[in-house]
């Protein structure tokens, strides 16, 4: 089972995406703050395969650097509000996705995006400009 850490202040989105990924067979761990991610990471003692992180968090770059130092294989999806790529706080993400609002992206779109990225396909079959699991 692959582990996904979800970091965003939008707790509703994080819980929704976490439940979606849990149902798809991932161990999804939502976190509302960078400190919570660091605590989860230190407590887990298991490999983390993917970090989904909001670019809007002031310390996003610090968390990304810290996790990547200890787990070089870590993939990163950076959530943007405006589709800016790359976002200044996470310039080396593997994929940039616009955070989806209600009704904008389906569970299937997000699962497909995560599966594609973890399988090594960062260009997953998406139409440009779509939100949610769509690459920008």
N, C-alpha and C. Protein backbone atom coordinates (compact mmCIF):
# COMPACT_ATOMS: atom_id res chain seq x y z
N UNK A 1 0.85 -1.18 0.00
CA UNK A 1 0.00 0.00 0.00
C UNK A 1 0.90 1.24 0.00
N UNK A 2 0.61 2.16 -0.90
CA UNK A 2 1.40 3.39 -0.99
C UNK A 2 0.80 4.46 -0.08
N UNK A 3 1.69 5.26 0.50
CA UNK A 3 1.29 6.28 1.46
C UNK A 3 1.33 7.66 0.81
N UNK A 4 0.24 8.42 1.04
CA UNK A 4 0.12 9.77 0.50
C UNK A 4 -0.13 10.72 1.66
N UNK A 5 0.71 11.76 1.79
CA UNK A 5 0.49 12.81 2.78
C UNK A 5 -0.21 13.97 2.07
N UNK A 6 -1.25 14.50 2.69
CA UNK A 6 -2.05 15.59 2.12
C UNK A 6 -1.91 16.81 3.01
N UNK A 7 -1.37 17.89 2.47
CA UNK A 7 -1.12 19.09 3.26
C UNK A 7 -1.78 20.30 2.63
N UNK A 8 -2.82 20.79 3.31
CA UNK A 8 -3.55 21.97 2.84
C UNK A 8 -4.37 22.50 4.01
N UNK A 9 -4.51 23.81 4.07
CA UNK A 9 -5.34 24.41 5.13
C UNK A 9 -6.82 24.20 4.87
N UNK A 10 -7.18 23.88 3.63
CA UNK A 10 -8.58 23.61 3.28
C UNK A 10 -8.91 22.20 3.74
N UNK A 11 -9.31 22.07 4.99
CA UNK A 11 -9.53 20.76 5.59
C UNK A 11 -10.62 19.97 4.87
N UNK A 12 -11.63 20.64 4.36
CA UNK A 12 -12.68 19.95 3.62
C UNK A 12 -12.12 19.24 2.40
N UNK A 13 -11.28 19.94 1.64
CA UNK A 13 -10.66 19.35 0.46
C UNK A 13 -9.76 18.19 0.85
N UNK A 14 -8.93 18.40 1.87
CA UNK A 14 -7.99 17.37 2.31
C UNK A 14 -8.73 16.11 2.77
N UNK A 15 -9.80 16.28 3.52
CA UNK A 15 -10.56 15.11 3.99
C UNK A 15 -11.25 14.40 2.83
N UNK A 16 -11.80 15.17 1.87
CA UNK A 16 -12.44 14.58 0.70
C UNK A 16 -11.43 13.80 -0.13
N UNK A 17 -10.27 14.41 -0.41
CA UNK A 17 -9.26 13.72 -1.21
C UNK A 17 -8.70 12.52 -0.46
N UNK A 18 -8.52 12.66 0.85
CA UNK A 18 -8.04 11.53 1.65
C UNK A 18 -8.99 10.35 1.59
N UNK A 19 -10.28 10.60 1.74
CA UNK A 19 -11.28 9.52 1.67
C UNK A 19 -11.29 8.89 0.28
N UNK A 20 -11.17 9.74 -0.74
CA UNK A 20 -11.13 9.25 -2.13
C UNK A 20 -9.95 8.31 -2.34
N UNK A 21 -8.78 8.72 -1.88
CA UNK A 21 -7.59 7.90 -2.07
C UNK A 21 -7.61 6.64 -1.20
N UNK A 22 -8.19 6.74 0.00
CA UNK A 22 -8.35 5.55 0.84
C UNK A 22 -9.18 4.49 0.12
N UNK A 23 -10.29 4.92 -0.49
CA UNK A 23 -11.16 3.99 -1.20
C UNK A 23 -10.46 3.37 -2.42
N UNK A 24 -9.47 4.07 -2.95
CA UNK A 24 -8.72 3.57 -4.11
C UNK A 24 -7.54 2.69 -3.70
N UNK A 25 -7.37 2.47 -2.40
CA UNK A 25 -6.34 1.56 -1.94
C UNK A 25 -5.05 2.19 -1.46
N UNK A 26 -5.05 3.50 -1.29
CA UNK A 26 -3.88 4.19 -0.76
C UNK A 26 -4.06 4.44 0.73
N UNK A 27 -2.95 4.61 1.43
CA UNK A 27 -2.99 5.07 2.82
C UNK A 27 -2.85 6.58 2.75
N UNK A 28 -3.96 7.30 2.86
CA UNK A 28 -3.97 8.75 2.74
C UNK A 28 -4.03 9.37 4.12
N UNK A 29 -3.09 10.27 4.39
CA UNK A 29 -3.00 10.89 5.70
C UNK A 29 -3.14 12.40 5.58
N UNK A 30 -4.31 12.92 5.91
CA UNK A 30 -4.54 14.37 5.84
C UNK A 30 -3.83 15.10 6.97
N UNK A 31 -3.33 16.29 6.65
CA UNK A 31 -2.67 17.13 7.66
C UNK A 31 -3.02 18.59 7.38
N UNK A 32 -3.43 19.31 8.41
CA UNK A 32 -3.81 20.70 8.22
C UNK A 32 -2.66 21.70 8.30
N UNK A 33 -1.46 21.21 8.66
CA UNK A 33 -0.32 22.13 8.81
C UNK A 33 0.98 21.41 8.49
N UNK A 34 2.01 22.19 8.24
CA UNK A 34 3.32 21.62 7.96
C UNK A 34 3.85 20.86 9.18
N UNK A 35 3.59 21.39 10.35
CA UNK A 35 4.03 20.72 11.58
C UNK A 35 3.38 19.34 11.69
N UNK A 36 2.10 19.24 11.35
CA UNK A 36 1.41 17.95 11.39
C UNK A 36 2.02 16.96 10.41
N UNK A 37 2.44 17.43 9.23
CA UNK A 37 3.09 16.56 8.24
C UNK A 37 4.40 16.03 8.79
N UNK A 38 5.20 16.90 9.38
CA UNK A 38 6.48 16.49 9.94
C UNK A 38 6.26 15.46 11.05
N UNK A 39 5.28 15.69 11.90
CA UNK A 39 4.98 14.75 12.98
C UNK A 39 4.53 13.40 12.42
N UNK A 40 3.62 13.41 11.42
CA UNK A 40 3.18 12.17 10.80
C UNK A 40 4.36 11.43 10.18
N UNK A 41 5.17 12.16 9.46
CA UNK A 41 6.32 11.58 8.78
C UNK A 41 7.26 10.91 9.79
N UNK A 42 7.53 11.58 10.89
CA UNK A 42 8.43 11.04 11.91
C UNK A 42 7.83 9.84 12.63
N UNK A 43 6.51 9.84 12.80
CA UNK A 43 5.84 8.74 13.50
C UNK A 43 5.64 7.51 12.62
N UNK A 44 5.47 7.71 11.32
CA UNK A 44 5.12 6.62 10.43
C UNK A 44 6.18 5.53 10.33
N UNK A 45 7.42 5.94 10.16
CA UNK A 45 8.50 4.99 9.96
C UNK A 45 8.23 4.06 8.77
N UNK A 46 7.49 4.55 7.77
CA UNK A 46 7.26 3.83 6.52
C UNK A 46 7.52 4.80 5.38
N UNK A 47 7.82 4.29 4.21
CA UNK A 47 8.05 5.18 3.07
C UNK A 47 6.79 5.98 2.73
N UNK A 48 6.98 7.23 2.42
CA UNK A 48 5.91 8.08 1.91
C UNK A 48 6.17 8.22 0.42
N UNK A 49 5.16 7.95 -0.39
CA UNK A 49 5.34 7.93 -1.84
C UNK A 49 4.94 9.23 -2.51
N UNK A 50 3.98 9.94 -1.90
CA UNK A 50 3.46 11.14 -2.53
C UNK A 50 3.09 12.17 -1.47
N UNK A 51 3.43 13.42 -1.75
CA UNK A 51 3.01 14.56 -0.94
C UNK A 51 2.16 15.45 -1.84
N UNK A 52 0.95 15.71 -1.41
CA UNK A 52 0.09 16.69 -2.08
C UNK A 52 0.11 17.92 -1.18
N UNK A 53 0.64 19.03 -1.69
CA UNK A 53 0.87 20.21 -0.85
C UNK A 53 0.35 21.47 -1.52
N UNK A 54 -0.27 22.32 -0.73
CA UNK A 54 -0.78 23.60 -1.23
C UNK A 54 0.37 24.60 -1.35
N UNK A 55 0.47 25.21 -2.52
CA UNK A 55 1.51 26.23 -2.73
C UNK A 55 1.29 27.44 -1.84
N UNK A 56 0.07 27.65 -1.40
CA UNK A 56 -0.27 28.83 -0.61
C UNK A 56 0.24 28.78 0.83
N UNK A 57 0.72 27.63 1.27
CA UNK A 57 1.25 27.52 2.63
C UNK A 57 2.59 28.24 2.71
N UNK A 58 2.78 29.09 3.73
CA UNK A 58 4.01 29.88 3.81
C UNK A 58 5.28 29.04 3.93
N UNK A 59 5.20 27.86 4.50
CA UNK A 59 6.40 27.04 4.70
C UNK A 59 6.40 25.79 3.82
N UNK A 60 5.67 25.83 2.72
CA UNK A 60 5.60 24.67 1.82
C UNK A 60 6.98 24.26 1.32
N UNK A 61 7.81 25.21 0.94
CA UNK A 61 9.13 24.87 0.40
C UNK A 61 10.00 24.18 1.44
N UNK A 62 9.89 24.60 2.69
CA UNK A 62 10.68 23.99 3.76
C UNK A 62 10.27 22.53 3.97
N UNK A 63 8.97 22.27 3.97
CA UNK A 63 8.48 20.91 4.16
C UNK A 63 8.92 20.03 2.99
N UNK A 64 8.77 20.53 1.77
CA UNK A 64 9.16 19.76 0.59
C UNK A 64 10.64 19.41 0.64
N UNK A 65 11.50 20.39 0.92
CA UNK A 65 12.94 20.13 0.99
C UNK A 65 13.26 19.09 2.07
N UNK A 66 12.65 19.24 3.23
CA UNK A 66 12.91 18.34 4.34
C UNK A 66 12.52 16.90 4.01
N UNK A 67 11.34 16.72 3.45
CA UNK A 67 10.88 15.36 3.13
C UNK A 67 11.70 14.75 1.99
N UNK A 68 12.05 15.57 1.01
CA UNK A 68 12.81 15.05 -0.14
C UNK A 68 14.23 14.65 0.28
N UNK A 69 14.79 15.29 1.30
CA UNK A 69 16.12 14.92 1.77
C UNK A 69 16.13 13.50 2.31
N UNK A 70 15.08 13.14 3.00
CA UNK A 70 15.05 11.81 3.62
C UNK A 70 14.42 10.75 2.72
N UNK A 71 13.65 11.17 1.73
CA UNK A 71 13.02 10.21 0.81
C UNK A 71 13.11 10.75 -0.61
N UNK A 72 14.21 10.43 -1.27
CA UNK A 72 14.47 10.97 -2.59
C UNK A 72 13.44 10.54 -3.64
N UNK A 73 12.79 9.43 -3.44
CA UNK A 73 11.79 8.93 -4.40
C UNK A 73 10.45 9.67 -4.29
N UNK A 74 10.30 10.51 -3.28
CA UNK A 74 9.03 11.19 -3.02
C UNK A 74 8.55 11.99 -4.23
N UNK A 75 7.31 11.75 -4.62
CA UNK A 75 6.67 12.52 -5.69
C UNK A 75 5.87 13.64 -5.04
N UNK A 76 5.73 14.76 -5.76
CA UNK A 76 5.02 15.90 -5.18
C UNK A 76 4.02 16.47 -6.18
N UNK A 77 2.78 16.63 -5.71
CA UNK A 77 1.76 17.37 -6.45
C UNK A 77 1.57 18.68 -5.70
N UNK A 78 1.79 19.78 -6.40
CA UNK A 78 1.60 21.11 -5.81
C UNK A 78 0.25 21.64 -6.23
N UNK A 79 -0.56 22.01 -5.23
CA UNK A 79 -1.89 22.57 -5.48
C UNK A 79 -1.80 24.07 -5.64
N UNK A 80 -2.33 24.57 -6.73
CA UNK A 80 -2.34 26.01 -6.95
C UNK A 80 -3.78 26.51 -6.96
N UNK A 81 -3.94 27.79 -6.69
CA UNK A 81 -5.27 28.39 -6.75
C UNK A 81 -5.53 29.01 -8.11
N UNK A 82 -4.44 29.37 -8.81
CA UNK A 82 -4.60 30.10 -10.06
C UNK A 82 -3.94 29.43 -11.25
N UNK A 83 -3.45 28.24 -11.07
CA UNK A 83 -2.82 27.53 -12.17
C UNK A 83 -1.40 27.95 -12.46
N UNK A 84 -0.81 28.81 -11.62
CA UNK A 84 0.57 29.26 -11.84
C UNK A 84 1.51 28.06 -11.76
N UNK A 85 2.36 27.90 -12.77
CA UNK A 85 3.28 26.79 -12.80
C UNK A 85 4.64 27.28 -13.24
N UNK A 86 5.70 27.02 -12.55
CA UNK A 86 5.68 26.47 -11.20
C UNK A 86 5.31 27.54 -10.19
N UNK A 87 4.79 27.10 -9.07
CA UNK A 87 4.48 28.06 -8.03
C UNK A 87 5.78 28.35 -7.28
N UNK A 88 6.00 29.58 -6.89
CA UNK A 88 7.27 29.96 -6.26
C UNK A 88 7.63 29.17 -5.01
N UNK A 89 6.64 28.74 -4.25
CA UNK A 89 6.95 28.05 -3.00
C UNK A 89 7.30 26.57 -3.20
N UNK A 90 6.91 25.98 -4.33
CA UNK A 90 7.23 24.58 -4.62
C UNK A 90 7.68 24.49 -6.08
N UNK A 91 8.86 25.04 -6.38
CA UNK A 91 9.28 25.12 -7.78
C UNK A 91 9.66 23.79 -8.43
N UNK A 92 9.91 22.76 -7.62
CA UNK A 92 10.35 21.49 -8.20
C UNK A 92 9.34 20.36 -8.00
N UNK A 93 8.06 20.71 -7.99
CA UNK A 93 7.03 19.68 -7.89
C UNK A 93 7.04 18.82 -9.15
N UNK A 94 6.57 17.60 -9.01
CA UNK A 94 6.46 16.70 -10.15
C UNK A 94 5.26 17.03 -11.02
N UNK A 95 4.24 17.62 -10.40
CA UNK A 95 3.01 17.95 -11.11
C UNK A 95 2.33 19.11 -10.41
N UNK A 96 1.75 20.02 -11.18
CA UNK A 96 0.98 21.15 -10.63
C UNK A 96 -0.47 20.95 -11.01
N UNK A 97 -1.35 21.04 -10.02
CA UNK A 97 -2.77 20.91 -10.24
C UNK A 97 -3.49 22.07 -9.57
N UNK A 98 -4.50 22.58 -10.24
CA UNK A 98 -5.32 23.60 -9.60
C UNK A 98 -6.24 22.90 -8.60
N UNK A 99 -6.28 23.45 -7.40
CA UNK A 99 -7.16 22.87 -6.38
C UNK A 99 -8.59 22.93 -6.89
N UNK A 100 -9.28 21.83 -6.82
CA UNK A 100 -10.63 21.80 -7.35
C UNK A 100 -11.64 22.29 -6.34
N UNK A 101 -12.62 23.00 -6.83
CA UNK A 101 -13.74 23.44 -6.02
C UNK A 101 -14.87 22.43 -6.13
N UNK A 102 -15.94 22.67 -5.41
CA UNK A 102 -17.07 21.76 -5.46
C UNK A 102 -17.56 21.55 -6.89
N UNK A 103 -17.68 20.29 -7.29
CA UNK A 103 -18.21 19.95 -8.59
C UNK A 103 -17.23 20.10 -9.75
N UNK A 104 -15.97 20.49 -9.47
CA UNK A 104 -15.02 20.72 -10.56
C UNK A 104 -14.24 19.47 -10.97
N UNK A 105 -13.95 18.61 -10.04
CA UNK A 105 -13.17 17.42 -10.37
C UNK A 105 -13.78 16.21 -9.69
N UNK A 106 -13.75 15.10 -10.38
CA UNK A 106 -14.32 13.89 -9.81
C UNK A 106 -13.27 13.10 -9.04
N UNK A 107 -13.76 12.20 -8.24
CA UNK A 107 -12.85 11.31 -7.53
C UNK A 107 -12.00 10.53 -8.53
N UNK A 108 -12.63 10.09 -9.61
CA UNK A 108 -11.90 9.32 -10.62
C UNK A 108 -10.76 10.12 -11.23
N UNK A 109 -10.96 11.41 -11.45
CA UNK A 109 -9.89 12.24 -12.01
C UNK A 109 -8.69 12.30 -11.07
N UNK A 110 -8.96 12.49 -9.78
CA UNK A 110 -7.86 12.54 -8.82
C UNK A 110 -7.15 11.20 -8.70
N UNK A 111 -7.90 10.11 -8.65
CA UNK A 111 -7.28 8.79 -8.54
C UNK A 111 -6.42 8.52 -9.77
N UNK A 112 -6.92 8.85 -10.94
CA UNK A 112 -6.15 8.67 -12.18
C UNK A 112 -4.86 9.49 -12.16
N UNK A 113 -4.95 10.70 -11.68
CA UNK A 113 -3.77 11.56 -11.61
C UNK A 113 -2.72 10.98 -10.66
N UNK A 114 -3.16 10.56 -9.47
CA UNK A 114 -2.23 9.98 -8.50
C UNK A 114 -1.62 8.69 -9.04
N UNK A 115 -2.45 7.83 -9.61
CA UNK A 115 -1.93 6.58 -10.17
C UNK A 115 -0.90 6.86 -11.28
N UNK A 116 -1.21 7.80 -12.15
CA UNK A 116 -0.30 8.12 -13.23
C UNK A 116 1.03 8.65 -12.74
N UNK A 117 0.99 9.54 -11.76
CA UNK A 117 2.23 10.11 -11.23
C UNK A 117 3.07 9.05 -10.53
N UNK A 118 2.44 8.22 -9.73
CA UNK A 118 3.18 7.19 -9.01
C UNK A 118 3.71 6.12 -9.96
N UNK A 119 3.08 5.98 -11.11
CA UNK A 119 3.56 5.02 -12.12
C UNK A 119 4.63 5.63 -13.01
N UNK A 120 4.91 6.92 -12.80
CA UNK A 120 5.95 7.59 -13.58
C UNK A 120 5.43 8.40 -14.75
N UNK A 121 4.12 8.57 -14.87
CA UNK A 121 3.54 9.34 -15.97
C UNK A 121 3.03 10.67 -15.44
N UNK A 122 3.86 11.71 -15.50
CA UNK A 122 3.45 13.01 -14.97
C UNK A 122 2.62 13.80 -15.96
N UNK A 123 2.35 13.22 -17.12
CA UNK A 123 1.55 13.93 -18.12
C UNK A 123 0.18 13.29 -18.26
N UNK A 124 -0.29 12.61 -17.23
CA UNK A 124 -1.51 11.82 -17.32
C UNK A 124 -2.51 12.42 -18.31
N UNK A 125 -3.32 11.57 -18.86
CA UNK A 125 -4.24 11.97 -19.94
C UNK A 125 -5.29 12.94 -19.44
N UNK A 126 -5.00 14.19 -19.55
CA UNK A 126 -5.87 15.25 -19.07
C UNK A 126 -6.01 16.32 -20.12
N UNK A 127 -7.11 16.96 -20.10
CA UNK A 127 -7.30 18.12 -20.97
C UNK A 127 -6.69 19.33 -20.27
N UNK A 128 -5.88 20.12 -20.97
CA UNK A 128 -5.30 21.31 -20.34
C UNK A 128 -6.39 22.23 -19.82
N UNK A 129 -6.10 22.83 -18.67
CA UNK A 129 -7.03 23.80 -18.11
C UNK A 129 -8.08 23.24 -17.18
N UNK A 130 -8.18 21.91 -17.09
CA UNK A 130 -9.15 21.34 -16.16
C UNK A 130 -8.63 21.44 -14.75
N UNK A 131 -9.53 21.43 -13.82
CA UNK A 131 -9.13 21.54 -12.41
C UNK A 131 -9.12 20.19 -11.76
N UNK A 132 -8.78 20.19 -10.49
CA UNK A 132 -8.73 18.94 -9.76
C UNK A 132 -7.56 18.12 -10.21
N UNK A 133 -7.76 16.90 -10.51
CA UNK A 133 -6.68 16.03 -10.89
C UNK A 133 -6.05 16.38 -12.22
N UNK A 134 -6.35 17.51 -12.78
CA UNK A 134 -5.82 17.87 -14.09
C UNK A 134 -4.53 18.67 -13.96
N UNK A 135 -3.53 18.25 -14.71
CA UNK A 135 -2.28 19.01 -14.74
C UNK A 135 -2.55 20.33 -15.41
N UNK A 136 -1.87 21.34 -14.93
CA UNK A 136 -2.02 22.67 -15.53
C UNK A 136 -1.00 22.89 -16.60
